[in-house]
Amino acid sequence: MPLDSQAPAWAHELALAYESGAHGQFVLYGNVGDRLPLDGRLVGLTRWLDAQLLTGFDVVFLYDAGNGLSVLRGSDRLRQWLAGREGEAWPREPRAAVERISHYLRYLANLQALGQGEGEHVAVLMRGADQILPGGRNGDFEIASLASLVRDWASEPPFTEQAFASFLIADNLNDLHPQVAFNPRVARIRVPLPDEALLKQALAQLRLDHPAAFDAASGDEQTAHALTGVSISALHSLVRTCAHQKRPLGPADWLKVKKQLVESDASGLVEFIDSVRTLDDYYSPPALKQWLRQDIALWQASDLRALPMGYLFCGPVGTGKTYLVECLAGEAGVPVLKLKNFRDRWVGSSEGNLEKIFRLIRALGRCIVFIDEADQTLGKRDAGSGDSGLSGRLYSMIAQEMSDTDNRGRVMWVLASSRPDLIEVDLKRPGRIDVKIPLLPTSTAEESAALLNALLKRFGMAPGTEALLALNPPSLLTPGAAEAFAVKAYRRSRTGPLAALAAIADTLADYQPPVPLEVLEFQMRIAIAEATDLAFVPPSLRPASSTGVAI
C-alpha cells in the first residue's frame, strides 16, 4: 500500500496494519462522507482509497446498496473466471454480491492449490456498510447470516490465506452490526474531521479553482487554523456559492462561517454559544470568579497540570448556571458547544449521534462542551429494562470520553444541574469533573440589595445599594428572581406612573418567591454538599456540622 508522506495519519495506520499482516479487514467510520485532496481535485473516500492505497492491487471490487457490485480495477483479470457468463449482470442484492466476491476468492485459492495461480491482490470496498449490515437487528436471520459471511473474510481460510483486503465504510461504528464491527480480527479505523494540514491542502486547491471566493490578503494557513472542525465538503459548497456570487470571504467572515458549517454538519445535535460577556457580567462571590480566572490563565498559558478536566455548576433553579457558562465562554475566548437532544427513538441512532458529536469535539481543538440539565441528559449506568439498555450505553460512551486524559487542556466539560444528586457518582468523580461549584441565592440583605441594584441598572432605575437596603429586600434571592423583580418594577414605573424608588418599594411589598422555600433550601443543601471548596460557599451557609448545613 504505497502512501504519500502527506497522507492523513489514519491512512498510515491502515497501511501498517495490512502490510504487517495484522489485519485484512477494516471498518472505516467517522468522517467518511467527506472529500480529500487528490492530484488537484477533491474526491470521495472510495476514489481516494483506490488511488492512494490500492494501486498495487490487481482487482478492486466496489459495492453499495444503490449501485450494486462493480469492478474498479482488474476487469481484464476476471475474464477467465467469467468465461461463458460475459453477459451476466453483476448482482445488486447484498448477499448475492458478497457470495460472488467470495466465489472469486475461492476460485483464486483453488488455482493456487493447483499451482496455476499468480497470487492476485484483491480488495473490496463496501460503501454504506451500516445500511447493508445494520446493528440493532437482533433476530433478523438474513442480516445475521450476511454478517457471518462478511466476518469470514477477516477470520476464515481461504480468505485469510490470500492477499485480500476488505474495507467496510460506515458513518458510525455503533450503527454497524456488532458481529462485524467488534470482531477482534477487524481493525477499526476512525476517519476524523480534517486537521489544519489537510484543510490547508484543500484550501490551496479551492483557491486555484475558485479565486473569486477568497480575499487575497488572507493566507491559507491562517484560514485553515480558523476553520478547524469544518468538513472539506461543507467548505467546498460554501466556496462555490461565494465564487458564484463573487463575494470573497475574509478573516472577518470565518468565525461566523465556521459556526454555520459546524452546526449544519452536526445535523442540529450541537449549537455554538456566542458570547460577548465576561465574568465581570456575572454577580457572584469573589472566590468563584478568582478561581475561574486562574484556570483560564493556566489554560491560555498551556500550563495544563493543574487544569481541571471539567466543572459542575450546581444550584437551585434561577441561579444563572447557563448565564455563567456564557460569561466563561466570553472570558476564555474559545468555542463553546452546547449539546442538544442527541437521543433518538431509532435503535442505535442515539449512539451514532454521540459518535458524531465526539468526532466534532475532537476536531475543534480547544473548546468548552456544555451539557445543560446534566441529570436528565447524561443517562444512568443502569436504567433498568425500560429503554432496552440505551441509557447505560450512552452513559458508558460519555464517561469514557470525559475521562480521556488526552483531552486535558483541549476539551473542558461543563455540566449544569439543579439536581446534581441525580448525576451518576462516577461522572462527577475527579478525572472527569474536578471542580464542583455551587451557585447559591443571596444569603444576606446586603447581597440582595447589591444584586437588585445591578439588575435595575439595566432599566435605568438603580437607586443604589444603600437605598435598596433601607427597603429591607428579601434574602435567598436568585439572579432569576431578581431579574423578574426588576422587570416587574420597571413595568410598574411605566404604567403607574411611579418614581423609580416608589415602584421598587411597591414591588417589594408584593414580592412572592418564585420557588417554594422548601424546594429552594433542598436544592441549596444538595449544591453545598457537592462543593469541592468551601470558599465557594458564603460563611453563613457553610456546613454547621458533618451532617447538615445552616440554611
Protein backbone atom coordinates (compact mmCIF):
# COMPACT_ATOMS: atom_id res chain seq x y z
CA MET A 1 0.00 0.00 0.00
CA PRO A 2 2.18 2.88 -1.22
CA LEU A 3 1.32 6.14 0.53
CA ASP A 4 2.22 9.78 0.09
CA SER A 5 4.04 11.22 3.11
CA GLN A 6 1.34 13.90 3.38
CA ALA A 7 -1.45 11.32 3.70
CA PRO A 8 -3.53 11.50 6.89
CA ALA A 9 -2.38 9.60 9.99
CA TRP A 10 -5.34 7.21 9.82
CA ALA A 11 -4.25 6.09 6.32
CA HIS A 12 -0.72 5.33 7.56
CA GLU A 13 -2.26 3.35 10.44
CA LEU A 14 -4.34 1.33 7.98
CA ALA A 15 -1.40 0.65 5.65
CA LEU A 16 0.75 -0.55 8.56
CA ALA A 17 -1.97 -2.93 9.77
CA TYR A 18 -2.30 -4.52 6.31
CA GLU A 19 1.37 -4.67 5.33
CA SER A 20 2.34 -6.19 8.68
CA GLY A 21 -0.27 -8.93 8.22
CA ALA A 22 -2.03 -7.92 11.44
CA HIS A 23 -5.37 -7.29 9.73
CA GLY A 24 -7.06 -7.83 6.41
CA GLN A 25 -10.46 -6.34 7.17
CA PHE A 26 -11.00 -2.70 8.10
CA VAL A 27 -14.01 -0.78 9.36
CA LEU A 28 -13.63 2.87 8.36
CA TYR A 29 -16.01 5.07 10.31
CA GLY A 30 -16.43 8.72 11.19
CA ASN A 31 -15.93 11.45 8.62
CA VAL A 32 -16.24 9.00 5.72
CA GLY A 33 -18.60 11.16 3.65
CA ASP A 34 -16.06 13.97 3.30
CA ARG A 35 -13.75 14.80 0.40
CA LEU A 36 -9.98 14.53 0.28
CA PRO A 37 -7.39 16.34 -1.89
CA LEU A 38 -6.03 14.16 -4.71
CA ASP A 39 -3.97 15.32 -7.69
CA GLY A 40 -5.57 18.74 -7.93
CA ARG A 41 -9.11 17.54 -7.20
CA LEU A 42 -11.31 16.93 -4.18
CA VAL A 43 -12.60 13.35 -4.29
CA GLY A 44 -14.65 10.98 -2.18
CA LEU A 45 -13.17 8.42 0.18
CA THR A 46 -13.53 5.37 -2.09
CA ARG A 47 -11.86 7.18 -5.00
CA TRP A 48 -9.07 8.33 -2.67
CA LEU A 49 -8.54 4.83 -1.24
CA ASP A 50 -8.37 3.35 -4.74
CA ALA A 51 -5.83 5.93 -5.93
CA GLN A 52 -3.71 6.15 -2.77
CA LEU A 53 -3.80 2.75 -1.07
CA LEU A 54 -4.90 0.21 -3.65
CA THR A 55 -2.71 0.96 -6.67
CA GLY A 56 -0.79 -2.25 -6.03
CA PHE A 57 -3.94 -4.40 -6.08
CA ASP A 58 -4.87 -6.37 -9.19
CA VAL A 59 -8.65 -6.48 -8.65
CA VAL A 60 -10.75 -3.96 -6.71
CA PHE A 61 -14.48 -4.52 -6.19
CA LEU A 62 -16.88 -1.76 -5.11
CA TYR A 63 -20.30 -2.43 -3.63
CA ASP A 64 -23.06 -0.18 -2.31
CA ALA A 65 -26.78 -0.79 -1.92
CA GLY A 66 -27.77 1.70 -4.62
CA ASN A 67 -25.44 0.71 -7.45
CA GLY A 68 -24.78 -2.92 -6.66
CA LEU A 69 -21.47 -4.66 -7.30
CA SER A 70 -18.96 -3.22 -9.78
CA VAL A 71 -15.26 -3.53 -10.60
CA LEU A 72 -12.98 -0.51 -10.19
CA ARG A 73 -9.84 -2.26 -11.38
CA GLY A 74 -8.87 -5.59 -12.91
CA SER A 75 -11.84 -6.44 -15.12
CA ASP A 76 -9.43 -8.00 -17.63
CA ARG A 77 -8.24 -10.44 -14.95
CA LEU A 78 -11.81 -11.58 -14.35
CA ARG A 79 -12.38 -12.70 -17.94
CA GLN A 80 -11.16 -16.26 -17.46
CA TRP A 81 -13.30 -16.65 -14.36
CA LEU A 82 -16.30 -15.14 -16.15
CA ALA A 83 -15.88 -17.27 -19.25
CA GLY A 84 -19.30 -18.22 -20.51
CA ARG A 85 -21.04 -15.61 -18.31
CA GLU A 86 -19.89 -12.40 -20.02
CA GLY A 87 -23.41 -11.08 -20.47
CA GLU A 88 -24.44 -11.80 -16.89
CA ALA A 89 -25.14 -8.66 -14.83
CA TRP A 90 -23.28 -8.05 -11.61
CA PRO A 91 -25.55 -8.67 -8.59
CA ARG A 92 -27.27 -5.81 -6.80
CA GLU A 93 -28.54 -7.63 -3.70
CA PRO A 94 -26.09 -7.66 -0.75
CA ARG A 95 -25.99 -11.40 -0.17
CA ALA A 96 -25.54 -12.20 -3.89
CA ALA A 97 -22.74 -9.61 -4.12
CA VAL A 98 -20.90 -10.99 -1.08
CA GLU A 99 -21.25 -14.54 -2.38
CA ARG A 100 -19.94 -13.51 -5.82
CA ILE A 101 -16.82 -11.95 -4.26
CA SER A 102 -16.32 -14.98 -2.01
CA HIS A 103 -16.73 -17.27 -5.02
CA TYR A 104 -13.96 -15.42 -6.89
CA LEU A 105 -11.61 -15.62 -3.91
CA ARG A 106 -12.22 -19.36 -3.58
CA TYR A 107 -11.55 -19.69 -7.30
CA LEU A 108 -8.16 -17.99 -6.82
CA ALA A 109 -7.40 -20.24 -3.86
CA ASN A 110 -8.14 -23.33 -5.94
CA LEU A 111 -5.87 -22.12 -8.73
CA GLN A 112 -3.06 -21.58 -6.23
CA ALA A 113 -3.61 -25.05 -4.79
CA LEU A 114 -3.19 -26.46 -8.31
CA GLY A 115 -0.05 -24.40 -8.85
CA GLN A 116 -1.68 -22.29 -11.56
CA GLY A 117 -2.41 -19.06 -9.71
CA GLU A 118 -0.37 -15.87 -9.81
CA GLY A 119 -1.25 -14.73 -6.31
CA GLU A 120 -3.52 -11.81 -7.13
CA HIS A 121 -4.07 -8.93 -4.71
CA VAL A 122 -7.82 -8.39 -4.27
CA ALA A 123 -9.67 -5.63 -2.40
CA VAL A 124 -13.33 -4.93 -1.69
CA LEU A 125 -14.77 -1.51 -0.84
CA MET A 126 -18.24 -1.67 0.71
CA ARG A 127 -19.85 1.77 1.00
CA GLY A 128 -22.73 2.30 3.42
CA ALA A 129 -21.88 -0.89 5.29
CA ASP A 130 -24.10 0.25 8.17
CA GLN A 131 -27.10 0.15 5.80
CA ILE A 132 -26.18 -3.27 4.44
CA LEU A 133 -25.24 -4.75 7.84
CA PRO A 134 -27.21 -2.62 10.30
CA GLY A 135 -26.85 -3.01 14.04
CA GLY A 136 -29.86 -3.37 16.32
CA ARG A 137 -31.48 -6.07 14.15
CA ASN A 138 -31.27 -8.91 16.65
CA GLY A 139 -33.22 -11.94 15.49
CA ASP A 140 -33.09 -10.99 11.79
CA PHE A 141 -31.74 -14.17 10.19
CA GLU A 142 -30.91 -12.59 6.82
CA ILE A 143 -28.81 -9.84 8.38
CA ALA A 144 -27.13 -12.25 10.78
CA SER A 145 -26.21 -14.70 8.01
CA LEU A 146 -24.84 -11.89 5.82
CA ALA A 147 -22.80 -10.57 8.75
CA SER A 148 -21.40 -14.06 9.24
CA LEU A 149 -20.27 -14.24 5.61
CA VAL A 150 -18.53 -10.84 5.80
CA ARG A 151 -16.96 -11.77 9.12
CA ASP A 152 -15.46 -14.87 7.46
CA TRP A 153 -13.47 -12.57 5.16
CA ALA A 154 -11.50 -11.43 8.21
CA SER A 155 -11.03 -14.69 10.04
CA GLU A 156 -11.50 -17.82 7.91
CA PRO A 157 -9.50 -19.51 5.15
CA PRO A 158 -9.18 -19.31 2.22
CA PHE A 159 -9.72 -15.54 2.61
CA THR A 160 -7.07 -15.07 5.30
CA GLU A 161 -4.53 -17.05 3.27
CA GLN A 162 -4.63 -14.65 0.33
CA ALA A 163 -3.55 -11.08 -0.38
CA PHE A 164 -7.08 -9.85 0.30
CA ALA A 165 -8.29 -6.63 1.98
CA SER A 166 -11.89 -5.66 2.69
CA PHE A 167 -12.97 -2.14 3.65
CA LEU A 168 -16.35 -1.64 5.32
CA ILE A 169 -17.26 2.06 5.30
CA ALA A 170 -19.85 3.32 7.81
CA ASP A 171 -20.74 6.72 9.23
CA ASN A 172 -20.91 5.47 12.82
CA LEU A 173 -19.35 2.38 14.33
CA ASN A 174 -22.37 1.73 16.54
CA ASP A 175 -24.66 1.62 13.50
CA LEU A 176 -22.82 -1.41 12.11
CA HIS A 177 -23.71 -4.99 13.04
CA PRO A 178 -21.70 -5.85 16.19
CA GLN A 179 -20.67 -9.25 14.82
CA VAL A 180 -18.62 -7.34 12.25
CA ALA A 181 -17.88 -4.03 13.96
CA PHE A 182 -16.43 -5.58 17.11
CA ASN A 183 -14.81 -8.65 15.60
CA PRO A 184 -11.33 -8.89 17.20
CA ARG A 185 -9.87 -9.72 13.78
CA VAL A 186 -11.10 -6.40 12.36
CA ALA A 187 -9.15 -3.13 12.52
CA ARG A 188 -11.39 -0.19 13.37
CA ILE A 189 -10.02 2.98 11.77
CA ARG A 190 -11.62 6.30 12.73
CA VAL A 191 -11.54 8.89 9.97
CA PRO A 192 -11.50 12.25 11.77
CA LEU A 193 -12.56 15.64 10.54
CA PRO A 194 -9.69 17.29 8.64
CA ASP A 195 -6.86 18.79 10.62
CA GLU A 196 -5.13 22.05 9.76
CA ALA A 197 -2.66 20.41 7.37
CA LEU A 198 -5.42 18.73 5.35
CA LEU A 199 -7.56 21.88 5.35
CA LYS A 200 -4.58 23.85 4.10
CA GLN A 201 -4.18 21.44 1.15
CA ALA A 202 -7.90 21.71 0.36
CA LEU A 203 -7.89 25.50 0.63
CA ALA A 204 -4.92 25.77 -1.74
CA GLN A 205 -6.84 23.76 -4.32
CA LEU A 206 -10.09 25.69 -3.78
CA ARG A 207 -8.25 28.99 -4.12
CA LEU A 208 -6.94 27.88 -7.53
CA ASP A 209 -10.36 26.64 -8.67
CA HIS A 210 -12.47 29.49 -7.26
CA PRO A 211 -10.32 32.61 -6.71
CA ALA A 212 -13.38 34.90 -6.57
CA ALA A 213 -14.33 33.38 -3.20
CA PHE A 214 -11.09 34.33 -1.44
CA ASP A 215 -9.69 37.54 -0.03
CA ALA A 216 -6.18 37.87 -1.42
CA ALA A 217 -4.97 39.32 1.87
CA SER A 218 -5.76 36.18 3.90
CA GLY A 219 -3.40 33.21 3.80
CA ASP A 220 -4.38 29.56 3.71
CA GLU A 221 -2.56 28.78 6.95
CA GLN A 222 -4.49 31.42 8.89
CA THR A 223 -7.76 30.31 7.31
CA ALA A 224 -7.13 26.60 7.99
CA HIS A 225 -6.47 27.39 11.66
CA ALA A 226 -9.72 29.37 11.89
CA LEU A 227 -11.76 26.60 10.23
CA THR A 228 -10.59 23.60 12.27
CA GLY A 229 -13.61 21.35 12.80
CA VAL A 230 -15.20 22.10 9.41
CA SER A 231 -15.52 19.32 6.84
CA ILE A 232 -13.98 19.82 3.40
CA SER A 233 -17.33 19.03 1.74
CA ALA A 234 -19.07 21.83 3.65
CA LEU A 235 -16.20 24.20 2.88
CA HIS A 236 -16.29 23.26 -0.81
CA SER A 237 -20.02 24.02 -1.06
CA LEU A 238 -19.58 27.38 0.65
CA VAL A 239 -16.65 28.40 -1.56
CA ARG A 240 -18.52 27.53 -4.75
CA THR A 241 -21.55 29.54 -3.60
CA CYS A 242 -19.40 32.58 -2.74
CA ALA A 243 -17.48 32.31 -6.00
CA HIS A 244 -20.74 32.30 -7.94
CA GLN A 245 -21.85 35.42 -6.03
CA LYS A 246 -18.37 36.95 -6.49
CA ARG A 247 -18.29 37.52 -2.72
CA PRO A 248 -14.81 36.97 -1.27
CA LEU A 249 -14.56 35.53 2.23
CA GLY A 250 -12.05 37.25 4.50
CA PRO A 251 -10.83 36.75 8.08
CA ALA A 252 -13.85 38.59 9.49
CA ASP A 253 -16.19 36.00 7.95
CA TRP A 254 -14.52 32.79 9.07
CA LEU A 255 -15.84 32.65 12.65
CA LYS A 256 -19.42 33.15 11.54
CA VAL A 257 -18.98 30.72 8.66
CA LYS A 258 -17.42 28.09 10.93
CA LYS A 259 -20.38 28.25 13.29
CA GLN A 260 -22.84 27.76 10.43
CA LEU A 261 -20.88 24.95 8.79
CA VAL A 262 -20.25 23.02 12.00
CA GLU A 263 -23.87 23.24 13.14
CA SER A 264 -25.00 22.13 9.68
CA ASP A 265 -22.56 19.18 9.63
CA ALA A 266 -23.68 18.16 13.13
CA SER A 267 -27.31 17.89 11.94
CA GLY A 268 -28.66 20.05 14.76
CA LEU A 269 -27.05 17.97 17.51
CA VAL A 270 -24.99 20.89 18.83
CA GLU A 271 -25.07 24.66 18.79
CA PHE A 272 -22.40 27.27 19.35
CA ILE A 273 -22.83 29.68 22.24
CA ASP A 274 -21.74 33.14 21.10
CA SER A 275 -20.95 35.50 23.92
CA VAL A 276 -19.55 38.99 24.31
CA ARG A 277 -19.96 38.80 28.09
CA THR A 278 -17.18 38.15 30.58
CA LEU A 279 -17.10 37.15 34.23
CA ASP A 280 -17.45 40.85 35.08
CA ASP A 281 -21.09 40.49 33.97
CA TYR A 282 -21.83 37.73 36.47
CA TYR A 283 -22.73 38.58 40.05
CA SER A 284 -21.07 36.05 42.36
CA PRO A 285 -18.72 35.72 45.35
CA PRO A 286 -15.20 36.92 44.51
CA ALA A 287 -13.72 33.48 45.26
CA LEU A 288 -15.68 31.90 42.40
CA LYS A 289 -14.55 34.43 39.78
CA GLN A 290 -10.96 34.29 41.04
CA TRP A 291 -10.85 30.50 40.69
CA LEU A 292 -12.29 30.53 37.17
CA ARG A 293 -9.97 33.30 36.02
CA GLN A 294 -6.95 31.48 37.41
CA ASP A 295 -7.95 28.35 35.47
CA ILE A 296 -8.43 30.36 32.27
CA ALA A 297 -4.98 31.91 32.76
CA LEU A 298 -3.46 28.43 33.15
CA TRP A 299 -5.29 27.27 30.03
CA GLN A 300 -4.10 30.21 27.94
CA ALA A 301 -0.54 29.67 29.20
CA SER A 302 -0.78 25.93 28.30
CA ASP A 303 0.09 25.02 31.90
CA LEU A 304 -2.23 22.03 31.98
CA ARG A 305 -1.13 20.01 35.01
CA ALA A 306 -3.38 21.93 37.41
CA LEU A 307 -6.19 22.40 34.90
CA PRO A 308 -9.46 20.59 35.67
CA MET A 309 -10.98 18.17 33.17
CA GLY A 310 -14.38 19.69 33.84
CA TYR A 311 -16.70 21.75 36.04
CA LEU A 312 -20.08 21.10 37.58
CA PHE A 313 -22.21 24.20 38.14
CA CYS A 314 -24.99 23.26 40.51
CA GLY A 315 -27.58 25.15 42.50
CA PRO A 316 -31.27 26.00 42.69
CA VAL A 317 -33.21 26.98 39.59
CA GLY A 318 -32.69 30.60 38.62
CA THR A 319 -29.12 30.94 39.92
CA GLY A 320 -27.74 31.65 36.43
CA LYS A 321 -25.88 28.44 35.60
CA THR A 322 -26.30 28.84 31.82
CA TYR A 323 -25.54 32.55 32.05
CA LEU A 324 -22.29 31.77 33.88
CA VAL A 325 -21.26 29.45 31.03
CA GLU A 326 -21.86 32.30 28.55
CA CYS A 327 -19.68 34.60 30.67
CA LEU A 328 -17.00 31.92 30.95
CA ALA A 329 -17.07 31.49 27.16
CA GLY A 330 -16.51 35.19 26.58
CA GLU A 331 -13.73 35.28 29.18
CA ALA A 332 -11.89 32.24 27.78
CA GLY A 333 -12.28 33.20 24.13
CA VAL A 334 -12.72 29.61 22.91
CA PRO A 335 -15.62 27.93 21.07
CA VAL A 336 -18.40 26.70 23.35
CA LEU A 337 -20.56 23.83 22.11
CA LYS A 338 -23.88 23.12 23.77
CA LEU A 339 -25.14 19.57 23.37
CA LYS A 340 -28.73 19.47 22.22
CA ASN A 341 -31.04 16.46 22.29
CA PHE A 342 -28.99 13.62 20.80
CA ARG A 343 -31.39 10.88 21.93
CA ASP A 344 -33.41 9.27 19.16
CA ARG A 345 -36.18 6.71 19.09
CA TRP A 346 -34.48 4.57 16.43
CA VAL A 347 -32.30 1.69 17.61
CA GLY A 348 -28.62 2.65 17.50
CA SER A 349 -29.33 6.20 16.36
CA SER A 350 -28.59 7.82 19.74
CA GLU A 351 -25.20 6.14 19.94
CA GLY A 352 -24.48 7.22 16.36
CA ASN A 353 -25.40 10.81 17.23
CA LEU A 354 -22.96 10.75 20.14
CA GLU A 355 -20.21 9.41 17.88
CA LYS A 356 -20.81 12.32 15.52
CA ILE A 357 -20.65 14.83 18.38
CA PHE A 358 -17.41 13.37 19.76
CA ARG A 359 -15.90 13.46 16.26
CA LEU A 360 -16.65 17.16 16.06
CA ILE A 361 -15.33 17.89 19.55
CA ARG A 362 -12.01 16.17 18.79
CA ALA A 363 -11.57 18.23 15.64
CA LEU A 364 -12.27 21.65 17.15
CA GLY A 365 -9.12 21.98 19.21
CA ARG A 366 -9.56 23.94 22.42
CA CYS A 367 -13.23 24.20 23.26
CA ILE A 368 -15.78 24.05 26.07
CA VAL A 369 -18.51 21.41 25.90
CA PHE A 370 -21.62 22.46 27.82
CA ILE A 371 -24.27 19.97 28.95
CA ASP A 372 -27.31 21.66 30.49
CA GLU A 373 -29.72 19.70 32.69
CA ALA A 374 -26.98 17.10 33.02
CA ASP A 375 -29.03 14.95 35.38
CA GLN A 376 -31.50 14.37 32.52
CA THR A 377 -29.05 14.22 29.61
CA LEU A 378 -26.19 12.01 30.71
CA GLY A 379 -28.11 8.80 31.34
CA LYS A 380 -27.64 6.18 34.03
CA ARG A 381 -25.28 3.28 34.46
CA ASP A 382 -28.31 1.01 34.87
CA ALA A 383 -31.73 2.42 33.94
CA GLY A 384 -33.44 -0.96 34.03
CA SER A 385 -35.03 -2.62 31.03
CA GLY A 386 -37.43 0.18 30.16
CA ASP A 387 -35.15 1.66 27.47
CA SER A 388 -33.51 -1.60 26.32
CA GLY A 389 -30.20 -0.53 27.87
CA LEU A 390 -29.92 2.74 25.90
CA SER A 391 -29.18 4.93 28.94
CA GLY A 392 -26.43 2.57 30.05
CA ARG A 393 -24.79 2.59 26.63
CA LEU A 394 -24.93 6.38 26.39
CA TYR A 395 -23.60 6.68 29.93
CA SER A 396 -20.65 4.44 29.07
CA MET A 397 -19.78 6.40 25.93
CA ILE A 398 -19.93 9.78 27.68
CA ALA A 399 -18.00 8.54 30.72
CA GLN A 400 -15.22 7.19 28.51
CA GLU A 401 -14.94 10.42 26.53
CA MET A 402 -14.96 12.63 29.64
CA SER A 403 -12.13 10.66 31.27
CA ASP A 404 -9.84 10.66 28.20
CA THR A 405 -6.68 12.30 29.54
CA ASP A 406 -5.68 13.32 26.01
CA ASN A 407 -8.48 15.90 26.27
CA ARG A 408 -6.95 17.73 29.23
CA GLY A 409 -6.25 21.26 28.10
CA ARG A 410 -8.08 20.67 24.83
CA VAL A 411 -11.67 19.97 25.90
CA MET A 412 -13.27 21.44 29.02
CA TRP A 413 -16.51 19.76 30.09
CA VAL A 414 -19.06 21.94 31.89
CA LEU A 415 -22.16 20.33 33.40
CA ALA A 416 -25.06 22.29 34.86
CA SER A 417 -27.81 20.88 37.06
CA SER A 418 -30.17 21.87 39.85
CA ARG A 419 -30.22 18.20 40.94
CA PRO A 420 -26.58 17.07 40.94
CA ASP A 421 -27.52 14.24 43.29
CA LEU A 422 -29.22 12.56 40.30
CA ILE A 423 -26.00 12.53 38.24
CA GLU A 424 -24.12 9.24 38.49
CA VAL A 425 -21.29 9.45 41.03
CA ASP A 426 -18.77 8.09 38.52
CA LEU A 427 -19.44 11.00 36.17
CA LYS A 428 -18.73 13.51 38.95
CA ARG A 429 -15.51 11.94 40.16
CA PRO A 430 -12.09 13.65 39.86
CA GLY A 431 -10.64 12.95 36.44
CA ARG A 432 -13.96 13.78 34.81
CA ILE A 433 -15.32 16.64 36.90
CA ASP A 434 -12.58 18.06 39.11
CA VAL A 435 -14.26 21.27 40.28
CA LYS A 436 -17.85 21.45 41.54
CA ILE A 437 -19.12 24.97 42.13
CA PRO A 438 -22.39 25.70 43.95
CA LEU A 439 -24.30 28.73 42.65
CA LEU A 440 -26.44 29.94 45.51
CA PRO A 441 -29.02 32.63 46.24
CA THR A 442 -28.08 35.66 48.28
CA SER A 443 -27.55 34.91 51.97
CA THR A 444 -27.90 38.44 53.41
CA ALA A 445 -29.96 41.56 52.81
CA GLU A 446 -26.79 43.36 51.73
CA GLU A 447 -26.16 40.81 48.99
CA SER A 448 -29.79 41.01 47.87
CA ALA A 449 -29.59 44.81 47.66
CA ALA A 450 -26.38 44.65 45.60
CA LEU A 451 -27.88 42.06 43.22
CA LEU A 452 -31.11 44.04 42.74
CA ASN A 453 -29.18 47.24 42.14
CA ALA A 454 -27.03 45.56 39.48
CA LEU A 455 -30.08 44.31 37.58
CA LEU A 456 -32.08 47.52 37.97
CA LYS A 457 -29.21 49.37 36.26
CA ARG A 458 -30.25 47.71 33.00
CA PHE A 459 -33.56 49.59 33.23
CA GLY A 460 -32.02 52.90 34.26
CA MET A 461 -33.70 52.88 37.69
CA ALA A 462 -31.00 51.70 40.13
CA PRO A 463 -31.30 53.78 43.33
CA GLY A 464 -28.10 52.47 44.90
CA THR A 465 -27.38 49.65 47.35
CA GLU A 466 -27.98 51.77 50.45
CA ALA A 467 -31.42 52.92 49.29
CA LEU A 468 -32.43 49.35 48.46
CA LEU A 469 -31.11 48.09 51.79
CA ALA A 470 -33.40 50.54 53.59
CA LEU A 471 -36.36 48.86 51.83
CA ASN A 472 -35.45 45.54 53.53
CA PRO A 473 -35.04 43.31 50.45
CA PRO A 474 -35.54 39.55 50.96
CA SER A 475 -32.64 37.15 51.30
CA LEU A 476 -32.34 33.87 49.35
CA LEU A 477 -32.78 35.86 46.15
CA THR A 478 -31.61 34.18 42.94
CA PRO A 479 -30.46 36.13 39.85
CA GLY A 480 -33.50 34.78 38.01
CA ALA A 481 -35.87 36.02 40.70
CA ALA A 482 -34.03 39.36 40.87
CA GLU A 483 -34.32 39.84 37.11
CA ALA A 484 -38.06 39.08 37.21
CA PHE A 485 -38.34 41.60 40.07
CA ALA A 486 -36.50 44.27 38.06
CA VAL A 487 -38.83 43.73 35.06
CA LYS A 488 -41.89 43.99 37.29
CA ALA A 489 -40.60 47.16 38.99
CA TYR A 490 -39.87 48.75 35.59
CA ARG A 491 -43.34 47.86 34.35
CA ARG A 492 -44.87 49.40 37.45
CA SER A 493 -42.87 52.59 36.97
CA ARG A 494 -44.05 52.88 33.35
CA THR A 495 -47.71 52.03 33.87
CA GLY A 496 -48.18 53.71 37.27
CA PRO A 497 -46.61 56.08 36.64
CA LEU A 498 -44.39 56.00 39.73
CA ALA A 499 -40.94 57.24 40.56
CA ALA A 500 -38.29 54.54 40.44
CA LEU A 501 -37.90 54.15 44.19
CA ALA A 502 -41.65 54.10 44.78
CA ALA A 503 -42.12 51.45 42.06
CA ILE A 504 -39.39 49.35 43.66
CA ALA A 505 -40.96 49.71 47.12
CA ASP A 506 -44.40 48.71 45.81
CA THR A 507 -42.90 45.70 44.03
CA LEU A 508 -41.07 44.63 47.19
CA ALA A 509 -44.29 44.88 49.18
CA ASP A 510 -45.96 42.43 46.81
CA TYR A 511 -42.92 40.18 46.36
CA GLN A 512 -43.60 36.45 46.33
CA PRO A 513 -40.66 34.00 45.92
CA PRO A 514 -40.96 32.22 42.52
CA VAL A 515 -39.73 28.92 44.00
CA PRO A 516 -41.22 27.44 47.21
CA LEU A 517 -38.86 27.90 50.13
CA GLU A 518 -38.62 24.19 50.94
CA VAL A 519 -37.62 23.40 47.33
CA LEU A 520 -35.05 26.20 47.30
CA GLU A 521 -33.48 25.07 50.58
CA PHE A 522 -33.39 21.44 49.46
CA GLN A 523 -31.55 22.33 46.24
CA MET A 524 -29.18 24.57 48.18
CA ARG A 525 -28.25 21.76 50.56
CA ILE A 526 -27.51 19.46 47.64
CA ALA A 527 -25.35 22.07 45.90
CA ILE A 528 -23.39 22.90 49.06
CA ALA A 529 -22.76 19.21 49.71
CA GLU A 530 -21.24 18.91 46.20
CA ALA A 531 -18.83 21.86 46.56
CA THR A 532 -15.16 20.96 46.13
CA ASP A 533 -14.06 24.07 48.04
CA LEU A 534 -15.87 25.84 50.88
CA ALA A 535 -14.51 29.15 49.59
CA PHE A 536 -17.36 28.98 47.05
CA VAL A 537 -19.94 28.94 49.87
CA PRO A 538 -20.85 32.09 51.87
CA PRO A 539 -19.85 31.72 55.55
CA SER A 540 -23.47 31.84 56.73
CA LEU A 541 -24.34 28.84 54.53
CA ARG A 542 -21.35 26.64 55.24
CA PRO A 543 -21.93 23.28 56.92
CA ALA A 544 -22.69 23.65 60.60
CA SER A 545 -21.71 20.01 61.16
CA SER A 546 -20.77 16.94 59.19
CA THR A 547 -24.43 16.13 58.63
CA GLY A 548 -26.12 19.43 57.93
CA VAL A 549 -25.84 23.00 56.72
CA ALA A 550 -27.02 26.23 58.24
CA ILE A 551 -29.86 27.20 55.93
